[in-house]
Amino acid sequence: MTHPTIPVYVNASRVDVPAGSTALDAVRAWSTAAAAEVSTGGRGIVDSRGLPLDPAAPMSAGSILRLVAIRERGGAGDAAH
């Protein structure tokens, strides 16, 4: 018996993941290196609207994910305008 898979899109690439997978699972199916960066805080996951997504969020068929760089805020170069 095979487990059903669902299509998820990560950075415009389709990956098929088992039903019940998380956002991090989908990223891992796309790139293990990118998943490691998400796990260590170097990259974040956003949804199709650009809103931050918890790596543990469950995926549904057709979910669209994008990876973004995580930038430090409040550094010496930041100034209030």
Protein backbone atom coordinates (compact mmCIF):
# COMPACT_ATOMS: atom_id res chain seq x y z
CA MET A 1 0.00 0.00 0.00
CA THR A 2 1.38 3.38 -0.95
CA HIS A 3 0.82 6.53 1.05
CA PRO A 4 -1.00 9.34 -0.74
CA THR A 5 1.14 12.28 -1.75
CA ILE A 6 0.22 15.90 -2.34
CA PRO A 7 1.83 18.47 -4.63
CA VAL A 8 3.46 21.45 -2.90
CA TYR A 9 5.43 24.23 -4.57
CA VAL A 10 8.70 25.44 -3.06
CA ASN A 11 10.34 28.40 -4.80
CA ALA A 12 8.23 27.63 -7.91
CA SER A 13 9.32 23.96 -8.04
CA ARG A 14 6.79 21.20 -7.56
CA VAL A 15 7.59 18.58 -4.97
CA ASP A 16 5.36 15.68 -3.99
CA VAL A 17 5.26 15.04 -0.25
CA PRO A 18 3.31 12.56 1.85
CA ALA A 19 -0.05 13.81 3.09
CA GLY A 20 0.43 15.23 6.59
CA SER A 21 3.85 16.73 5.81
CA THR A 22 4.96 20.03 7.32
CA ALA A 23 6.35 23.10 5.58
CA LEU A 24 9.85 22.03 6.66
CA ASP A 25 9.26 18.55 5.21
CA ALA A 26 8.32 20.17 1.89
CA VAL A 27 11.44 22.34 1.92
CA ARG A 28 13.54 19.26 2.77
CA ALA A 29 12.03 17.41 -0.22
CA TRP A 30 13.12 20.35 -2.39
CA SER A 31 16.59 20.86 -0.85
CA THR A 32 18.16 19.32 2.23
CA ALA A 33 20.61 22.24 2.39
CA ALA A 34 17.79 24.80 2.38
CA ALA A 35 15.95 22.83 5.08
CA ALA A 36 19.10 22.91 7.22
CA GLU A 37 19.25 26.71 6.80
CA VAL A 38 15.62 27.00 7.93
CA SER A 39 16.36 24.78 10.94
CA THR A 40 19.32 26.94 11.99
CA GLY A 41 17.48 30.23 11.50
CA GLY A 42 19.33 31.45 8.41
CA ARG A 43 16.24 31.26 6.22
CA GLY A 44 12.53 31.58 6.80
CA ILE A 45 9.49 30.22 5.02
CA VAL A 46 6.71 32.48 3.75
CA ASP A 47 3.42 31.59 2.12
CA SER A 48 2.15 32.74 -1.27
CA ARG A 49 1.17 36.11 0.25
CA GLY A 50 4.60 36.66 1.77
CA LEU A 51 3.43 36.01 5.32
CA PRO A 52 5.78 34.11 7.66
CA LEU A 53 4.94 30.43 8.00
CA ASP A 54 5.84 28.18 10.91
CA PRO A 55 8.06 25.33 9.69
CA ALA A 56 5.71 22.95 11.53
CA ALA A 57 2.63 24.18 9.60
CA PRO A 58 0.79 21.33 7.91
CA MET A 59 0.73 21.36 4.13
CA SER A 60 -2.27 20.96 1.89
CA ALA A 61 -2.34 20.15 -1.82
CA GLY A 62 -1.18 23.13 -3.84
CA SER A 63 0.52 25.00 -0.97
CA ILE A 64 3.00 27.59 -2.24
CA LEU A 65 6.13 28.26 -0.19
CA ARG A 66 9.00 30.64 -0.71
CA LEU A 67 12.26 30.81 1.19
CA VAL A 68 13.56 34.16 2.40
CA ALA A 69 16.77 35.27 4.06
CA ILE A 70 16.48 36.15 7.73
CA ARG A 71 18.08 39.51 8.42
CA GLU A 72 19.11 40.77 11.81
CA ARG A 73 17.15 43.84 12.92
CA GLY A 74 18.27 46.66 15.12
CA GLY A 75 21.90 46.70 14.00
CA ALA A 76 24.18 49.74 14.18
CA GLY A 77 23.30 50.72 10.60
CA ASP A 78 19.58 50.96 11.33
CA ALA A 79 18.24 54.42 11.99
CA ALA A 80 14.73 55.56 12.81
CA HIS A 81 13.28 57.90 10.22
